Structure formats: structure tokens, C-alpha cells
Amino acid sequence: MTDENCLFCRIVSGEVPAVMVYEDKNTFAFLDHRPLFPGHILLVPRAHFETLADLPAEQVEPLFKNAQLLSRVVEEAMEAEGSFVAMNNRVSQSVPHLHVHIVPRRRKDGLKGFFWPRTKYKSEEEMEVTRQKISSKIKQQKN
């Protein structure tokens, strides 16, 4: 399944050029054309899925198995001290096709926690209400 208007589907099909670093029957990985640091790659499922929630269960393992492989090899290839592995679902997702960012990292490289503002819960009660909301939805999804 592909979306003819999707940039990443067009990259996977070869219609739009990209610098491919890895591919298999389920996934395709290429260098980000605007990297945070050299070696920043994007790993996408070959089929078009917008978010992680849309990805069929049988595709989760192949995607994350390859994310694990690529995080290891990017660190080695780029002589990095670690890596940053992340994905966005809709918000801040510049291309609406599920993709995993794999970015080589070094101490003091200037990336500050990906610029996330951190807050605290106002109270233990607020934390418990939040926990209950999430737990309730988990139970609904499993039934």
C-alpha cells in the first residue's frame, strides 16, 4: 500500500532520489537531507502508514529490529558516543509517513534534550488521575 502524494512512498519506489543506506522487504532507510548531524538517517516502513498506531502488529518487530541494527551501526560508522532514536506521530511529523530518526550523538554536541520543556505534576492526585486514564484506555484496547 502506497500513497502517491507521499514523499517517503515516492522515495521508497525510486521516483524521488534519496541516499539509501539500508533496505529489506519491510523497510527502507536513507540519509536525512537536512540532518541534525552527519549520519542522521530515516527508517521507514515500505508500506504507507502515517503513525505507529497505524502500523500492523506483525510489522512492529521488523521495524524496530532494524532501528536497533541501524542505531548500532550508525554509532560505529560515525564514531559516535551514542545515538538518539525518535519518532513523531502527527505533531511535528513533517512527512505523514511513519519514520524513525536515528541520529549519532556525542557529549556536548549542542542537542539539548531535543528542546522538550519539562514540567512536574501539580500533585500526587493529578499523577494518579493521569495513571488511571491511561490504564483504563489500555484495558479497553486489550479487550
C-alpha atoms as a PDB file:
ATOM      1  CA  MET A   1       0.000   0.000   0.000  1.00  0.00           C
ATOM      2  CA  THR A   2       1.452   3.345  -1.044  1.00  0.00           C
ATOM      3  CA  ASP A   3       0.264   6.924  -1.196  1.00  0.00           C
ATOM      4  CA  GLU A   4       1.186   8.605  -4.493  1.00  0.00           C
ATOM      5  CA  ASN A   5       1.235  12.003  -2.758  1.00  0.00           C
ATOM      6  CA  CYS A   6       3.604  10.839  -0.002  1.00  0.00           C
ATOM      7  CA  LEU A   7       7.234  11.915  -0.352  1.00  0.00           C
ATOM      8  CA  PHE A   8       8.536   8.860   1.507  1.00  0.00           C
ATOM      9  CA  CYS A   9       6.446   6.448  -0.601  1.00  0.00           C
ATOM     10  CA  ARG A  10       7.929   8.131  -3.659  1.00  0.00           C
ATOM     11  CA  ILE A  11      11.450   7.728  -2.211  1.00  0.00           C
ATOM     12  CA  VAL A  12      10.842   4.035  -1.471  1.00  0.00           C
ATOM     13  CA  SER A  13       9.569   3.474  -5.029  1.00  0.00           C
ATOM     14  CA  GLY A  14      12.633   5.211  -6.512  1.00  0.00           C
ATOM     15  CA  GLU A  15      10.595   8.020  -8.046  1.00  0.00           C
ATOM     16  CA  VAL A  16      12.330  10.595  -5.823  1.00  0.00           C
ATOM     17  CA  PRO A  17      16.070  10.166  -5.301  1.00  0.00           C
ATOM     18  CA  ALA A  18      17.492   9.619  -1.825  1.00  0.00           C
ATOM     19  CA  VAL A  19      20.756   8.298  -0.440  1.00  0.00           C
ATOM     20  CA  MET A  20      19.737   4.804   0.644  1.00  0.00           C
ATOM     21  CA  VAL A  21      21.750   3.181   3.439  1.00  0.00           C
ATOM     22  CA  TYR A  22      19.690   0.035   4.084  1.00  0.00           C
ATOM     23  CA  GLU A  23      16.700  -1.840   2.727  1.00  0.00           C
ATOM     24  CA  ASP A  24      14.920  -5.110   3.173  1.00  0.00           C
ATOM     25  CA  LYS A  25      11.467  -6.422   2.270  1.00  0.00           C
ATOM     26  CA  ASN A  26       9.767  -4.421   5.064  1.00  0.00           C
ATOM     27  CA  THR A  27      11.806  -1.250   5.491  1.00  0.00           C
ATOM     28  CA  PHE A  28      13.893   1.360   3.724  1.00  0.00           C
ATOM     29  CA  ALA A  29      16.468   3.664   5.353  1.00  0.00           C
ATOM     30  CA  PHE A  30      18.070   6.758   3.859  1.00  0.00           C
ATOM     31  CA  LEU A  31      20.120   9.765   4.883  1.00  0.00           C
ATOM     32  CA  ASP A  32      18.053  12.718   6.069  1.00  0.00           C
ATOM     33  CA  HIS A  33      18.621  15.564   3.595  1.00  0.00           C
ATOM     34  CA  ARG A  34      18.620  18.068   6.493  1.00  0.00           C
ATOM     35  CA  PRO A  35      20.447  16.144   9.221  1.00  0.00           C
ATOM     36  CA  LEU A  36      20.839  17.176  12.824  1.00  0.00           C
ATOM     37  CA  PHE A  37      24.356  15.720  12.461  1.00  0.00           C
ATOM     38  CA  PRO A  38      26.078  13.787   9.641  1.00  0.00           C
ATOM     39  CA  GLY A  39      24.848  10.201   9.729  1.00  0.00           C
ATOM     40  CA  HIS A  40      21.237  11.130  10.656  1.00  0.00           C
ATOM     41  CA  ILE A  41      19.058   8.565   8.909  1.00  0.00           C
ATOM     42  CA  LEU A  42      15.350   7.958   8.498  1.00  0.00           C
ATOM     43  CA  LEU A  43      13.974   4.421   8.663  1.00  0.00           C
ATOM     44  CA  VAL A  44      10.521   3.955   7.115  1.00  0.00           C
ATOM     45  CA  PRO A  45       8.220   1.015   6.511  1.00  0.00           C
ATOM     46  CA  ARG A  46       7.942   0.345   2.774  1.00  0.00           C
ATOM     47  CA  ALA A  47       4.149   0.433   3.010  1.00  0.00           C
ATOM     48  CA  HIS A  48       2.401   3.686   3.807  1.00  0.00           C
ATOM     49  CA  PHE A  49       1.374   4.056   7.445  1.00  0.00           C
ATOM     50  CA  GLU A  50       1.027   7.508   8.937  1.00  0.00           C
ATOM     51  CA  THR A  51       1.703   6.737  12.608  1.00  0.00           C
ATOM     52  CA  LEU A  52       2.976   3.985  14.866  1.00  0.00           C
ATOM     53  CA  ALA A  53      -0.629   3.264  15.893  1.00  0.00           C
ATOM     54  CA  ASP A  54      -1.437   2.538  12.214  1.00  0.00           C
ATOM     55  CA  LEU A  55       1.405   0.028  11.802  1.00  0.00           C
ATOM     56  CA  PRO A  56       0.102  -3.579  11.808  1.00  0.00           C
ATOM     57  CA  ALA A  57       1.361  -5.633  14.760  1.00  0.00           C
ATOM     58  CA  GLU A  58       3.312  -8.013  12.510  1.00  0.00           C
ATOM     59  CA  GLN A  59       5.305  -5.045  11.134  1.00  0.00           C
ATOM     60  CA  VAL A  60       6.376  -3.703  14.542  1.00  0.00           C
ATOM     61  CA  GLU A  61       9.143  -6.231  15.139  1.00  0.00           C
ATOM     62  CA  PRO A  62      10.795  -5.849  11.702  1.00  0.00           C
ATOM     63  CA  LEU A  63      10.754  -2.051  12.004  1.00  0.00           C
ATOM     64  CA  PHE A  64      12.242  -1.919  15.487  1.00  0.00           C
ATOM     65  CA  LYS A  65      14.680  -4.763  14.838  1.00  0.00           C
ATOM     66  CA  ASN A  66      16.072  -2.637  12.004  1.00  0.00           C
ATOM     67  CA  ALA A  67      16.006   0.507  14.165  1.00  0.00           C
ATOM     68  CA  GLN A  68      18.128  -1.409  16.688  1.00  0.00           C
ATOM     69  CA  LEU A  69      20.561  -2.558  13.975  1.00  0.00           C
ATOM     70  CA  LEU A  70      20.828   0.907  12.448  1.00  0.00           C
ATOM     71  CA  SER A  71      21.350   2.663  15.774  1.00  0.00           C
ATOM     72  CA  ARG A  72      24.270   0.320  16.462  1.00  0.00           C
ATOM     73  CA  VAL A  73      25.886   0.713  13.038  1.00  0.00           C
ATOM     74  CA  VAL A  74      25.363   4.498  12.872  1.00  0.00           C
ATOM     75  CA  GLU A  75      27.173   4.849  16.200  1.00  0.00           C
ATOM     76  CA  GLU A  76      30.047   2.689  14.939  1.00  0.00           C
ATOM     77  CA  ALA A  77      30.247   4.198  11.456  1.00  0.00           C
ATOM     78  CA  MET A  78      30.145   7.785  12.704  1.00  0.00           C
ATOM     79  CA  GLU A  79      32.384   7.036  15.713  1.00  0.00           C
ATOM     80  CA  ALA A  80      29.625   8.434  17.916  1.00  0.00           C
ATOM     81  CA  GLU A  81      29.318   8.057  21.674  1.00  0.00           C
ATOM     82  CA  GLY A  82      25.631   7.195  21.410  1.00  0.00           C
ATOM     83  CA  SER A  83      22.523   7.810  19.379  1.00  0.00           C
ATOM     84  CA  PHE A  84      19.123   9.464  19.512  1.00  0.00           C
ATOM     85  CA  VAL A  85      16.246   7.341  18.228  1.00  0.00           C
ATOM     86  CA  ALA A  86      12.848   9.023  17.932  1.00  0.00           C
ATOM     87  CA  MET A  87       9.610   9.359  16.009  1.00  0.00           C
ATOM     88  CA  ASN A  88       6.742  11.807  15.927  1.00  0.00           C
ATOM     89  CA  ASN A  89       3.088  10.890  15.475  1.00  0.00           C
ATOM     90  CA  ARG A  90       1.304  13.700  13.611  1.00  0.00           C
ATOM     91  CA  VAL A  91       2.584  16.643  15.708  1.00  0.00           C
ATOM     92  CA  SER A  92       5.987  17.720  14.300  1.00  0.00           C
ATOM     93  CA  GLN A  93       5.790  14.948  11.701  1.00  0.00           C
ATOM     94  CA  SER A  94       6.896  16.831   8.594  1.00  0.00           C
ATOM     95  CA  VAL A  95       6.027  13.918   6.292  1.00  0.00           C
ATOM     96  CA  PRO A  96       2.877  11.972   7.217  1.00  0.00           C
ATOM     97  CA  HIS A  97       4.551   8.572   6.790  1.00  0.00           C
ATOM     98  CA  LEU A  98       5.812   6.722   9.859  1.00  0.00           C
ATOM     99  CA  HIS A  99       9.553   7.251  10.187  1.00  0.00           C
ATOM    100  CA  VAL A 100      12.197   6.664  12.819  1.00  0.00           C
ATOM    101  CA  HIS A 101      15.015   9.186  13.207  1.00  0.00           C
ATOM    102  CA  ILE A 102      18.366   7.617  14.063  1.00  0.00           C
ATOM    103  CA  VAL A 103      20.892  10.310  14.919  1.00  0.00           C
ATOM    104  CA  PRO A 104      24.513   9.851  16.044  1.00  0.00           C
ATOM    105  CA  ARG A 105      25.259  11.718  19.282  1.00  0.00           C
ATOM    106  CA  ARG A 106      28.316  12.987  21.111  1.00  0.00           C
ATOM    107  CA  ARG A 107      28.558  14.572  24.529  1.00  0.00           C
ATOM    108  CA  LYS A 108      28.242  18.346  24.313  1.00  0.00           C
ATOM    109  CA  ASP A 109      27.098  18.168  20.667  1.00  0.00           C
ATOM    110  CA  GLY A 110      24.648  21.000  21.260  1.00  0.00           C
ATOM    111  CA  LEU A 111      21.434  18.969  21.083  1.00  0.00           C
ATOM    112  CA  LYS A 112      19.635  19.884  24.300  1.00  0.00           C
ATOM    113  CA  GLY A 113      17.217  17.075  25.054  1.00  0.00           C
ATOM    114  CA  PHE A 114      15.531  17.806  21.730  1.00  0.00           C
ATOM    115  CA  PHE A 115      14.195  21.050  23.211  1.00  0.00           C
ATOM    116  CA  TRP A 116      11.391  19.477  25.246  1.00  0.00           C
ATOM    117  CA  PRO A 117      10.014  21.671  28.025  1.00  0.00           C
ATOM    118  CA  ARG A 118       9.838  19.605  31.209  1.00  0.00           C
ATOM    119  CA  THR A 119       7.180  20.081  33.864  1.00  0.00           C
ATOM    120  CA  LYS A 120       6.036  18.392  37.060  1.00  0.00           C
ATOM    121  CA  TYR A 121       2.630  17.126  38.040  1.00  0.00           C
ATOM    122  CA  LYS A 122       0.824  19.639  40.254  1.00  0.00           C
ATOM    123  CA  SER A 123       0.105  16.956  42.837  1.00  0.00           C
ATOM    124  CA  GLU A 124       0.137  13.237  43.570  1.00  0.00           C
ATOM    125  CA  GLU A 125      -3.613  13.308  42.848  1.00  0.00           C
ATOM    126  CA  GLU A 126      -3.080  14.687  39.329  1.00  0.00           C
ATOM    127  CA  MET A 127      -0.479  11.986  38.714  1.00  0.00           C
ATOM    128  CA  GLU A 128      -2.918   9.299  39.898  1.00  0.00           C
ATOM    129  CA  VAL A 129      -5.770  10.623  37.707  1.00  0.00           C
ATOM    130  CA  THR A 130      -3.392  10.552  34.725  1.00  0.00           C
ATOM    131  CA  ARG A 131      -2.321   6.994  35.548  1.00  0.00           C
ATOM    132  CA  GLN A 132      -5.964   5.896  35.810  1.00  0.00           C
ATOM    133  CA  LYS A 133      -6.877   7.457  32.442  1.00  0.00           C
ATOM    134  CA  ILE A 134      -4.014   5.665  30.710  1.00  0.00           C
ATOM    135  CA  SER A 135      -4.638   2.331  32.469  1.00  0.00           C
ATOM    136  CA  SER A 136      -8.332   2.487  31.585  1.00  0.00           C
ATOM    137  CA  LYS A 137      -7.543   3.010  27.880  1.00  0.00           C
ATOM    138  CA  ILE A 138      -5.037   0.140  27.939  1.00  0.00           C
ATOM    139  CA  LYS A 139      -7.720  -2.191  29.313  1.00  0.00           C
ATOM    140  CA  GLN A 140     -10.177  -1.006  26.612  1.00  0.00           C
ATOM    141  CA  GLN A 141      -7.624  -1.619  23.839  1.00  0.00           C
ATOM    142  CA  LYS A 142      -6.814  -5.136  25.074  1.00  0.00           C
ATOM    143  CA  ASN A 143     -10.485  -6.190  25.184  1.00  0.00           C
END
